[in-house]
Amino acid sequence: MIFQVGDTEIKQAQVPHNLFVTGIFFFDLLLTPAAIVLNIGLYALLLPLACSLLVIAVIYVRSRKASVWFVDAHWKLALRHGQWLMLGYAVTAGLMLLAWLLSLASNDAHMKHILLTALTRIAVLPTLLAVMVTVVLEASALALAGKGEVPDRIVQKYPPPA
C-alpha cells in the first residue's frame, strides 16, 4: 500500500533497513569468514552471532517505540526480517550441537576432529541461506520505503491511524 509521505519520513523509514544490511555485511559476511580463516576456534563464531543479535536487538527496541506510523511500520518490517535471520541462527545452533554430539561418539581423536569440522561446515549453511534471503528482503524493503510503500501484511497487522 502506497502512502503520501515526505522525504524526511522516507529517509527515516530507510534507516532500519540500512542498519540491518550494514550489520549483515560487516558481521555475517566479513567477520564470520575472518574468524574461520584466522582459525581462532569454534568460539570465534560466537562473535559475529553476538554482534548480529545486537543489531537485531537495537531494531527490536526501536520497533517498540511509537513515532510516525510509516516509519514505525518499516522498523517492524526490519524486525520481521531479523526474526528470519534468528531462525537461521537457531537451526545452525541445533545442527552444531548435533555435530558436537556425533563427534563425541567417535573413539578416534582424528575421526572426532574430521567429523566435527565437516559437520560444522554443513551446519553453517542455514545461516548462510538466511543471510542471503534477508539481504534480498531488506533490499526490497529499502526500495519500498523509498517509494512510500508498506507491505500489505504489515498494514493489516498494524493498521495506520485514521
C-alpha atoms as a PDB file:
ATOM      1  CA  MET A   1       0.000   0.000   0.000  1.00  0.00           C
ATOM      2  CA  ILE A   2       1.421   3.380  -1.011  1.00  0.00           C
ATOM      3  CA  PHE A   3       1.227   6.342   1.364  1.00  0.00           C
ATOM      4  CA  GLN A   4       1.805  10.033   0.815  1.00  0.00           C
ATOM      5  CA  VAL A   5       4.858  10.746   2.958  1.00  0.00           C
ATOM      6  CA  GLY A   6       7.583  13.366   2.863  1.00  0.00           C
ATOM      7  CA  ASP A   7      11.283  12.971   2.189  1.00  0.00           C
ATOM      8  CA  THR A   8      12.047  13.088   5.925  1.00  0.00           C
ATOM      9  CA  GLU A   9       9.772  10.134   6.652  1.00  0.00           C
ATOM     10  CA  ILE A  10      11.198   8.208   3.714  1.00  0.00           C
ATOM     11  CA  LYS A  11      14.760   8.698   4.954  1.00  0.00           C
ATOM     12  CA  GLN A  12      13.733   7.724   8.495  1.00  0.00           C
ATOM     13  CA  ALA A  13      11.960   4.611   7.171  1.00  0.00           C
ATOM     14  CA  GLN A  14      15.098   3.555   5.297  1.00  0.00           C
ATOM     15  CA  VAL A  15      17.248   3.656   8.455  1.00  0.00           C
ATOM     16  CA  PRO A  16      16.241   0.219   9.858  1.00  0.00           C
ATOM     17  CA  HIS A  17      16.841  -1.462   6.511  1.00  0.00           C
ATOM     18  CA  ASN A  18      20.237   0.222   6.084  1.00  0.00           C
ATOM     19  CA  LEU A  19      21.173  -0.756   9.656  1.00  0.00           C
ATOM     20  CA  PHE A  20      20.144  -4.366   9.078  1.00  0.00           C
ATOM     21  CA  VAL A  21      22.013  -4.709   5.765  1.00  0.00           C
ATOM     22  CA  THR A  22      25.115  -3.000   7.162  1.00  0.00           C
ATOM     23  CA  GLY A  23      25.083  -5.403  10.109  1.00  0.00           C
ATOM     24  CA  ILE A  24      24.774  -8.396   7.811  1.00  0.00           C
ATOM     25  CA  PHE A  25      27.627  -7.271   5.585  1.00  0.00           C
ATOM     26  CA  PHE A  26      30.017  -6.457   8.420  1.00  0.00           C
ATOM     27  CA  PHE A  27      29.208  -9.204  10.867  1.00  0.00           C
ATOM     28  CA  ASP A  28      27.912 -12.137   8.827  1.00  0.00           C
ATOM     29  CA  LEU A  29      29.704 -11.725   5.527  1.00  0.00           C
ATOM     30  CA  LEU A  30      33.044 -10.286   6.701  1.00  0.00           C
ATOM     31  CA  LEU A  31      33.569 -11.195  10.350  1.00  0.00           C
ATOM     32  CA  THR A  32      32.435 -14.839  10.105  1.00  0.00           C
ATOM     33  CA  PRO A  33      34.828 -15.846   7.302  1.00  0.00           C
ATOM     34  CA  ALA A  34      37.603 -13.876   9.015  1.00  0.00           C
ATOM     35  CA  ALA A  35      37.016 -15.849  12.215  1.00  0.00           C
ATOM     36  CA  ILE A  36      37.172 -19.119  10.280  1.00  0.00           C
ATOM     37  CA  VAL A  37      40.288 -18.164   8.275  1.00  0.00           C
ATOM     38  CA  LEU A  38      42.144 -16.957  11.354  1.00  0.00           C
ATOM     39  CA  ASN A  39      41.488 -20.399  12.868  1.00  0.00           C
ATOM     40  CA  ILE A  40      40.597 -18.890  16.241  1.00  0.00           C
ATOM     41  CA  GLY A  41      38.306 -21.779  17.030  1.00  0.00           C
ATOM     42  CA  LEU A  42      34.644 -22.568  17.248  1.00  0.00           C
ATOM     43  CA  TYR A  43      34.065 -19.893  19.862  1.00  0.00           C
ATOM     44  CA  ALA A  44      35.110 -17.244  17.344  1.00  0.00           C
ATOM     45  CA  LEU A  45      31.821 -17.914  15.536  1.00  0.00           C
ATOM     46  CA  LEU A  46      30.024 -16.535  18.588  1.00  0.00           C
ATOM     47  CA  LEU A  47      31.405 -13.022  17.951  1.00  0.00           C
ATOM     48  CA  PRO A  48      29.558 -12.449  14.629  1.00  0.00           C
ATOM     49  CA  LEU A  49      26.464 -14.030  16.171  1.00  0.00           C
ATOM     50  CA  ALA A  50      26.592 -11.700  19.180  1.00  0.00           C
ATOM     51  CA  CYS A  51      27.150  -8.623  17.011  1.00  0.00           C
ATOM     52  CA  SER A  52      24.343  -9.566  14.653  1.00  0.00           C
ATOM     53  CA  LEU A  53      21.984 -10.228  17.558  1.00  0.00           C
ATOM     54  CA  LEU A  54      22.935  -6.829  18.979  1.00  0.00           C
ATOM     55  CA  VAL A  55      21.837  -5.162  15.723  1.00  0.00           C
ATOM     56  CA  ILE A  56      18.556  -7.102  15.822  1.00  0.00           C
ATOM     57  CA  ALA A  57      18.103  -6.096  19.481  1.00  0.00           C
ATOM     58  CA  VAL A  58      18.522  -2.424  18.532  1.00  0.00           C
ATOM     59  CA  ILE A  59      15.910  -2.880  15.798  1.00  0.00           C
ATOM     60  CA  TYR A  60      13.624  -4.636  18.288  1.00  0.00           C
ATOM     61  CA  VAL A  61      13.899  -1.838  20.866  1.00  0.00           C
ATOM     62  CA  ARG A  62      13.284   0.848  18.242  1.00  0.00           C
ATOM     63  CA  SER A  63      10.358  -1.064  16.716  1.00  0.00           C
ATOM     64  CA  ARG A  64       8.553  -0.837  20.065  1.00  0.00           C
ATOM     65  CA  LYS A  65       8.831   2.968  20.103  1.00  0.00           C
ATOM     66  CA  ALA A  66       5.943   4.931  18.622  1.00  0.00           C
ATOM     67  CA  SER A  67       6.558   7.836  16.257  1.00  0.00           C
ATOM     68  CA  VAL A  68       5.333   8.379  12.690  1.00  0.00           C
ATOM     69  CA  TRP A  69       3.292   5.327  11.630  1.00  0.00           C
ATOM     70  CA  PHE A  70       5.069   4.916   8.271  1.00  0.00           C
ATOM     71  CA  VAL A  71       8.486   4.903   9.929  1.00  0.00           C
ATOM     72  CA  ASP A  72       7.313   2.540  12.684  1.00  0.00           C
ATOM     73  CA  ALA A  73       5.932   0.128  10.074  1.00  0.00           C
ATOM     74  CA  HIS A  74       9.352  -0.127   8.437  1.00  0.00           C
ATOM     75  CA  TRP A  75      11.044  -0.757  11.802  1.00  0.00           C
ATOM     76  CA  LYS A  76       8.557  -3.591  12.344  1.00  0.00           C
ATOM     77  CA  LEU A  77       9.285  -4.933   8.863  1.00  0.00           C
ATOM     78  CA  ALA A  78      13.036  -4.915   9.578  1.00  0.00           C
ATOM     79  CA  LEU A  79      12.343  -6.746  12.855  1.00  0.00           C
ATOM     80  CA  ARG A  80      10.348  -9.379  10.970  1.00  0.00           C
ATOM     81  CA  HIS A  81      13.316  -9.948   8.662  1.00  0.00           C
ATOM     82  CA  GLY A  82      15.569 -10.108  11.717  1.00  0.00           C
ATOM     83  CA  GLN A  83      13.403 -12.909  13.064  1.00  0.00           C
ATOM     84  CA  TRP A  84      14.076 -14.879   9.877  1.00  0.00           C
ATOM     85  CA  LEU A  85      17.798 -14.408  10.445  1.00  0.00           C
ATOM     86  CA  MET A  86      17.480 -15.519  14.065  1.00  0.00           C
ATOM     87  CA  LEU A  87      15.646 -18.640  12.865  1.00  0.00           C
ATOM     88  CA  GLY A  88      18.624 -19.413  10.624  1.00  0.00           C
ATOM     89  CA  TYR A  89      20.931 -18.973  13.602  1.00  0.00           C
ATOM     90  CA  ALA A  90      18.762 -21.287  15.717  1.00  0.00           C
ATOM     91  CA  VAL A  91      18.803 -24.041  13.083  1.00  0.00           C
ATOM     92  CA  THR A  92      22.569 -23.682  12.769  1.00  0.00           C
ATOM     93  CA  ALA A  93      22.975 -23.887  16.549  1.00  0.00           C
ATOM     94  CA  GLY A  94      20.893 -27.059  16.634  1.00  0.00           C
ATOM     95  CA  LEU A  95      22.929 -28.633  13.836  1.00  0.00           C
ATOM     96  CA  MET A  96      26.194 -27.645  15.536  1.00  0.00           C
ATOM     97  CA  LEU A  97      25.001 -29.261  18.757  1.00  0.00           C
ATOM     98  CA  LEU A  98      24.156 -32.394  16.774  1.00  0.00           C
ATOM     99  CA  ALA A  99      27.607 -32.308  15.132  1.00  0.00           C
ATOM    100  CA  TRP A 100      29.265 -31.990  18.523  1.00  0.00           C
ATOM    101  CA  LEU A 101      27.247 -34.912  19.922  1.00  0.00           C
ATOM    102  CA  LEU A 102      28.077 -37.088  16.907  1.00  0.00           C
ATOM    103  CA  SER A 103      31.762 -36.276  17.224  1.00  0.00           C
ATOM    104  CA  LEU A 104      31.660 -37.369  20.876  1.00  0.00           C
ATOM    105  CA  ALA A 105      30.548 -40.829  19.755  1.00  0.00           C
ATOM    106  CA  SER A 106      33.845 -41.433  17.940  1.00  0.00           C
ATOM    107  CA  ASN A 107      36.700 -43.105  19.846  1.00  0.00           C
ATOM    108  CA  ASP A 108      39.436 -41.968  17.464  1.00  0.00           C
ATOM    109  CA  ALA A 109      40.639 -38.401  18.106  1.00  0.00           C
ATOM    110  CA  HIS A 110      41.386 -37.772  14.420  1.00  0.00           C
ATOM    111  CA  MET A 111      37.974 -39.021  13.377  1.00  0.00           C
ATOM    112  CA  LYS A 112      36.407 -36.791  16.033  1.00  0.00           C
ATOM    113  CA  HIS A 113      38.160 -33.763  14.547  1.00  0.00           C
ATOM    114  CA  ILE A 114      37.207 -34.699  10.983  1.00  0.00           C
ATOM    115  CA  LEU A 115      33.569 -35.268  11.946  1.00  0.00           C
ATOM    116  CA  LEU A 116      33.324 -32.023  13.869  1.00  0.00           C
ATOM    117  CA  THR A 117      34.984 -30.000  11.109  1.00  0.00           C
ATOM    118  CA  ALA A 118      32.868 -31.453   8.308  1.00  0.00           C
ATOM    119  CA  LEU A 119      29.576 -31.274  10.160  1.00  0.00           C
ATOM    120  CA  THR A 120      30.080 -27.732  11.453  1.00  0.00           C
ATOM    121  CA  ARG A 121      30.765 -26.546   7.902  1.00  0.00           C
ATOM    122  CA  ILE A 122      27.467 -28.101   6.855  1.00  0.00           C
ATOM    123  CA  ALA A 123      25.706 -26.677   9.921  1.00  0.00           C
ATOM    124  CA  VAL A 124      26.568 -23.105   8.888  1.00  0.00           C
ATOM    125  CA  LEU A 125      24.514 -23.429   5.682  1.00  0.00           C
ATOM    126  CA  PRO A 126      21.117 -22.486   7.223  1.00  0.00           C
ATOM    127  CA  THR A 127      22.600 -19.223   8.486  1.00  0.00           C
ATOM    128  CA  LEU A 128      24.161 -18.512   5.086  1.00  0.00           C
ATOM    129  CA  LEU A 129      20.823 -19.156   3.436  1.00  0.00           C
ATOM    130  CA  ALA A 130      19.050 -16.903   5.962  1.00  0.00           C
ATOM    131  CA  VAL A 131      21.622 -14.172   5.361  1.00  0.00           C
ATOM    132  CA  MET A 132      21.092 -14.307   1.607  1.00  0.00           C
ATOM    133  CA  VAL A 133      17.309 -14.321   1.894  1.00  0.00           C
ATOM    134  CA  THR A 134      17.202 -11.458   4.406  1.00  0.00           C
ATOM    135  CA  VAL A 135      19.582  -9.325   2.335  1.00  0.00           C
ATOM    136  CA  VAL A 136      17.241  -9.675  -0.638  1.00  0.00           C
ATOM    137  CA  LEU A 137      14.202  -8.958   1.563  1.00  0.00           C
ATOM    138  CA  GLU A 138      15.862  -5.892   3.061  1.00  0.00           C
ATOM    139  CA  ALA A 139      16.920  -4.571  -0.344  1.00  0.00           C
ATOM    140  CA  SER A 140      13.309  -4.894  -1.434  1.00  0.00           C
ATOM    141  CA  ALA A 141      12.084  -3.218   1.764  1.00  0.00           C
ATOM    142  CA  LEU A 142      14.549  -0.369   1.241  1.00  0.00           C
ATOM    143  CA  ALA A 143      13.098   0.207  -2.225  1.00  0.00           C
ATOM    144  CA  LEU A 144       9.557   0.066  -0.781  1.00  0.00           C
ATOM    145  CA  ALA A 145      10.452   2.704   1.790  1.00  0.00           C
ATOM    146  CA  GLY A 146      11.876   4.886  -0.971  1.00  0.00           C
ATOM    147  CA  LYS A 147       8.563   4.705  -2.844  1.00  0.00           C
ATOM    148  CA  GLY A 148       6.483   5.438   0.278  1.00  0.00           C
ATOM    149  CA  GLU A 149       5.112   1.914   0.331  1.00  0.00           C
ATOM    150  CA  VAL A 150       4.394  -0.506   3.171  1.00  0.00           C
ATOM    151  CA  PRO A 151       3.690  -4.224   2.532  1.00  0.00           C
ATOM    152  CA  ASP A 152       0.031  -5.182   2.881  1.00  0.00           C
ATOM    153  CA  ARG A 153       0.714  -7.746   5.620  1.00  0.00           C
ATOM    154  CA  ILE A 154       2.292  -5.046   7.793  1.00  0.00           C
ATOM    155  CA  VAL A 155      -0.625  -2.687   7.088  1.00  0.00           C
ATOM    156  CA  GLN A 156      -3.082  -5.437   8.091  1.00  0.00           C
ATOM    157  CA  LYS A 157      -1.186  -6.296  11.273  1.00  0.00           C
ATOM    158  CA  TYR A 158      -0.508  -2.669  12.286  1.00  0.00           C
ATOM    159  CA  PRO A 159      -3.222  -0.531  10.663  1.00  0.00           C
ATOM    160  CA  PRO A 160      -2.412   3.141  10.077  1.00  0.00           C
ATOM    161  CA  PRO A 161      -4.121   5.765  12.214  1.00  0.00           C
ATOM    162  CA  ALA A 162      -7.341   7.168  10.762  1.00  0.00           C
END
